[in-house]
Amino acid sequence: MNENKKSLVIYVHGKGGNANEIENYHKFFSGHEFYGFDYKADNPWDAKKEFKAKIEELANCYENITLIANSIGAYFSMVANCDEYISHAYFVSPIVDMEKLILNMIAWAGTTETELQEKKIIPVDFGDDLSWEYLQYARSNPVKWNVSTDILYGSLDNLQELDTITTFANRINATLTVMEGGEHWFHTDEQIHFLNDWMQSRRG
């Protein structure tokens, strides 16, 4: 075991993102080390194994671990059941109810749950293919999270409704900040500025 343990910030990107995005957060965590998690999993059952193994490995070297996770990166982090290793979490546009999101996607695709069960996979033109296996996993494994958490959400998020995020935040006693006009992907100058101000305010 490391006798001189330090504090670590882990960053978990969303779909289409990358581990280098962690550089934006360096200025908020003086005296911390940083790890951008370039994970390979693209489904929750693989993520559970990959994330748990990595976080347990890092927990052997650091006394305190702070998690910053974006979108599906937050979902994968939660299904990994690594609560005990995380001292605090910051979620940006987290996916907190994957079952509901998939059911919404089924409706957007103009198909039905019954058809998905029959076909197992249904290609769509607005994202990943719909998967019966994925839906069943999400339904059987709702997220459980027992970590002090701050959440940032955009009012124009097209993947999850405000009431879904609010219900989750209330359930885990998280703070919830809503950017009016913010999107699921915080990427414009205005949105990045808001994100940075939020992070600074939550860091105190």
Protein backbone atom coordinates (compact mmCIF):
# COMPACT_ATOMS: atom_id res chain seq x y z
CA MET A 1 0.00 0.00 0.00
CA ASN A 2 1.12 3.56 -0.70
CA GLU A 3 2.17 5.25 2.54
CA ASN A 4 1.88 8.74 1.02
CA LYS A 5 -1.59 8.71 -0.45
CA LYS A 6 -2.81 11.68 -2.45
CA SER A 7 -6.07 12.95 -3.87
CA LEU A 8 -7.20 12.04 -7.39
CA VAL A 9 -9.75 13.40 -9.84
CA ILE A 10 -11.11 10.85 -12.31
CA TYR A 11 -12.83 12.18 -15.44
CA VAL A 12 -15.23 9.94 -17.38
CA HIS A 13 -16.29 11.34 -20.75
CA GLY A 14 -19.59 10.86 -22.53
CA LYS A 15 -20.27 9.33 -25.93
CA GLY A 16 -18.05 10.94 -28.56
CA GLY A 17 -15.92 12.61 -25.89
CA ASN A 18 -12.38 11.82 -24.81
CA ALA A 19 -10.23 11.58 -21.71
CA ASN A 20 -8.35 14.80 -22.57
CA GLU A 21 -11.42 16.83 -21.59
CA ILE A 22 -10.16 16.48 -18.03
CA GLU A 23 -7.76 19.35 -18.71
CA ASN A 24 -10.62 21.82 -18.32
CA TYR A 25 -10.96 20.81 -14.67
CA HIS A 26 -7.32 21.07 -13.57
CA LYS A 27 -7.77 24.66 -12.40
CA PHE A 28 -10.47 23.69 -9.91
CA PHE A 29 -8.52 21.04 -8.00
CA SER A 30 -5.27 22.38 -6.62
CA GLY A 31 -3.00 19.70 -5.19
CA HIS A 32 -4.83 16.84 -6.91
CA GLU A 33 -3.61 14.38 -9.48
CA PHE A 34 -5.74 13.61 -12.52
CA TYR A 35 -6.80 10.56 -14.48
CA GLY A 36 -8.80 10.75 -17.70
CA PHE A 37 -10.46 7.37 -18.07
CA ASP A 38 -10.22 6.24 -21.72
CA TYR A 39 -12.62 3.35 -21.27
CA LYS A 40 -13.52 0.84 -23.97
CA ALA A 41 -16.96 -0.43 -22.87
CA ASP A 42 -20.02 0.56 -24.86
CA ASN A 43 -22.63 -1.27 -22.78
CA PRO A 44 -23.30 -1.37 -19.03
CA TRP A 45 -22.35 -5.01 -18.36
CA ASP A 46 -18.89 -4.50 -19.84
CA ALA A 47 -18.61 -1.10 -18.17
CA LYS A 48 -19.38 -2.59 -14.78
CA LYS A 49 -16.34 -4.88 -15.01
CA GLU A 50 -14.01 -2.35 -16.63
CA PHE A 51 -14.90 0.56 -14.36
CA LYS A 52 -14.86 -1.43 -11.16
CA ALA A 53 -11.44 -2.91 -11.91
CA LYS A 54 -9.93 0.49 -12.77
CA ILE A 55 -11.40 2.37 -9.82
CA GLU A 56 -10.40 -0.34 -7.36
CA GLU A 57 -6.88 -0.21 -8.78
CA LEU A 58 -6.70 3.57 -8.36
CA ALA A 59 -8.23 3.42 -4.88
CA ASN A 60 -5.17 1.49 -3.73
CA CYS A 61 -3.01 4.50 -4.55
CA TYR A 62 -5.15 7.46 -3.52
CA GLU A 63 -6.80 8.41 -0.25
CA ASN A 64 -9.54 10.53 -1.82
CA ILE A 65 -11.08 10.10 -5.26
CA THR A 66 -13.32 12.72 -6.85
CA LEU A 67 -15.35 11.68 -9.88
CA ILE A 68 -16.36 14.00 -12.72
CA ALA A 69 -18.56 12.20 -15.22
CA ASN A 70 -20.45 13.29 -18.30
CA SER A 71 -23.64 11.82 -19.82
CA ILE A 72 -23.38 8.06 -20.28
CA GLY A 73 -20.04 8.16 -18.47
CA ALA A 74 -22.01 8.96 -15.32
CA TYR A 75 -24.39 6.06 -15.99
CA PHE A 76 -21.52 3.63 -16.50
CA SER A 77 -19.83 4.91 -13.34
CA MET A 78 -22.96 4.30 -11.29
CA VAL A 79 -23.64 0.78 -12.59
CA ALA A 80 -20.08 -0.17 -11.63
CA ASN A 81 -21.08 -0.10 -7.94
CA CYS A 82 -17.92 1.71 -6.82
CA ASP A 83 -19.59 4.08 -4.36
CA GLU A 84 -17.27 3.15 -1.51
CA TYR A 85 -14.23 4.48 -3.37
CA ILE A 86 -15.66 7.86 -4.39
CA SER A 87 -15.64 10.75 -1.92
CA HIS A 88 -17.56 13.17 -4.15
CA ALA A 89 -19.02 13.26 -7.65
CA TYR A 90 -19.80 15.97 -10.19
CA PHE A 91 -22.20 14.88 -12.94
CA VAL A 92 -22.76 16.89 -16.12
CA SER A 93 -25.90 15.90 -18.06
CA PRO A 94 -25.89 12.43 -16.47
CA ILE A 95 -27.99 9.59 -17.83
CA VAL A 96 -29.79 8.51 -14.66
CA ASP A 97 -32.69 6.44 -16.03
CA MET A 98 -31.48 4.35 -18.95
CA GLU A 99 -34.67 2.30 -19.16
CA LYS A 100 -36.75 5.43 -19.66
CA LEU A 101 -34.30 6.76 -22.26
CA ILE A 102 -34.45 3.54 -24.27
CA LEU A 103 -38.25 3.51 -24.11
CA ASN A 104 -38.22 7.10 -25.39
CA MET A 105 -35.88 6.08 -28.20
CA ILE A 106 -38.23 3.25 -29.13
CA ALA A 107 -41.02 5.81 -29.47
CA TRP A 108 -38.80 8.20 -31.45
CA ALA A 109 -37.99 5.35 -33.85
CA GLY A 110 -41.68 4.68 -34.42
CA THR A 111 -41.41 1.10 -33.27
CA THR A 112 -42.56 -0.85 -30.21
CA GLU A 113 -41.06 -2.77 -27.33
CA THR A 114 -42.69 -5.93 -28.69
CA GLU A 115 -41.00 -5.48 -32.06
CA LEU A 116 -37.66 -4.89 -30.36
CA GLN A 117 -38.11 -8.09 -28.36
CA GLU A 118 -38.74 -10.00 -31.58
CA LYS A 119 -35.91 -8.47 -33.61
CA LYS A 120 -33.41 -8.05 -30.71
CA ILE A 121 -31.68 -5.21 -32.57
CA ILE A 122 -33.33 -2.34 -34.46
CA PRO A 123 -31.08 0.15 -36.31
CA VAL A 124 -31.97 3.83 -35.92
CA ASP A 125 -30.63 6.93 -37.65
CA PHE A 126 -30.32 9.14 -34.54
CA GLY A 127 -27.93 7.17 -32.35
CA ASP A 128 -26.91 3.67 -31.33
CA ASP A 129 -29.01 0.74 -32.48
CA LEU A 130 -31.85 -0.19 -30.17
CA SER A 131 -31.01 -3.37 -28.27
CA TRP A 132 -33.40 -5.68 -26.43
CA GLU A 133 -30.51 -6.98 -24.31
CA TYR A 134 -29.55 -3.43 -23.31
CA LEU A 135 -33.14 -2.58 -22.34
CA GLN A 136 -33.47 -5.73 -20.25
CA TYR A 137 -30.20 -5.02 -18.46
CA ALA A 138 -31.19 -1.42 -17.71
CA ARG A 139 -34.57 -2.58 -16.45
CA SER A 140 -33.07 -5.24 -14.19
CA ASN A 141 -30.25 -3.04 -12.89
CA PRO A 142 -31.55 0.42 -11.98
CA VAL A 143 -28.79 2.74 -10.82
CA LYS A 144 -27.98 2.91 -7.14
CA TRP A 145 -25.72 5.71 -5.96
CA ASN A 146 -24.74 6.66 -2.45
CA VAL A 147 -22.16 9.38 -3.03
CA SER A 148 -22.26 13.11 -2.26
CA THR A 149 -23.05 14.50 -5.73
CA ASP A 150 -23.56 17.78 -7.59
CA ILE A 151 -25.46 17.68 -10.89
CA LEU A 152 -25.48 20.14 -13.79
CA TYR A 153 -28.29 19.89 -16.33
CA GLY A 154 -29.36 21.89 -19.37
CA SER A 155 -33.01 22.84 -19.75
CA LEU A 156 -32.87 21.90 -23.46
CA ASP A 157 -31.41 18.44 -22.80
CA ASN A 158 -33.00 16.24 -25.48
CA LEU A 159 -32.19 12.91 -23.82
CA GLN A 160 -33.73 13.22 -20.37
CA GLU A 161 -36.56 15.30 -18.99
CA LEU A 162 -36.13 17.68 -16.07
CA ASP A 163 -38.49 15.66 -13.89
CA THR A 164 -36.33 12.55 -14.42
CA ILE A 165 -33.20 14.38 -13.27
CA THR A 166 -35.05 16.09 -10.42
CA THR A 167 -36.46 12.81 -9.13
CA PHE A 168 -33.00 11.24 -9.18
CA ALA A 169 -31.36 14.23 -7.50
CA ASN A 170 -33.95 14.21 -4.74
CA ARG A 171 -33.56 10.47 -4.24
CA ILE A 172 -29.80 10.67 -3.68
CA ASN A 173 -29.86 14.11 -1.99
CA ALA A 174 -27.77 15.68 -4.73
CA THR A 175 -27.64 19.38 -5.59
CA LEU A 176 -29.15 20.16 -9.00
CA THR A 177 -28.25 23.21 -11.08
CA VAL A 178 -30.20 23.88 -14.28
CA MET A 179 -28.82 26.07 -17.04
CA GLU A 180 -31.69 27.68 -18.91
CA GLY A 181 -31.01 27.13 -22.60
CA GLY A 182 -28.28 24.59 -21.88
CA GLU A 183 -28.12 21.46 -24.02
CA HIS A 184 -27.19 17.88 -23.21
CA TRP A 185 -23.71 18.56 -24.60
CA PHE A 186 -22.19 21.61 -22.93
CA HIS A 187 -20.02 22.84 -25.80
CA THR A 188 -20.72 26.48 -26.71
CA ASP A 189 -18.67 29.27 -25.15
CA GLU A 190 -21.68 30.30 -23.05
CA GLN A 191 -22.30 26.74 -21.88
CA ILE A 192 -18.64 26.12 -21.02
CA HIS A 193 -18.56 29.40 -19.10
CA PHE A 194 -21.65 28.34 -17.15
CA LEU A 195 -20.15 24.90 -16.48
CA ASN A 196 -16.92 26.46 -15.19
CA ASP A 197 -18.81 28.90 -12.97
CA TRP A 198 -20.86 25.99 -11.61
CA MET A 199 -17.79 23.94 -10.85
CA GLN A 200 -16.10 26.88 -9.17
CA SER A 201 -19.17 27.56 -7.03
CA ARG A 202 -19.52 23.92 -5.98
CA ARG A 203 -15.83 23.73 -5.12
CA GLY A 204 -16.31 26.74 -2.82
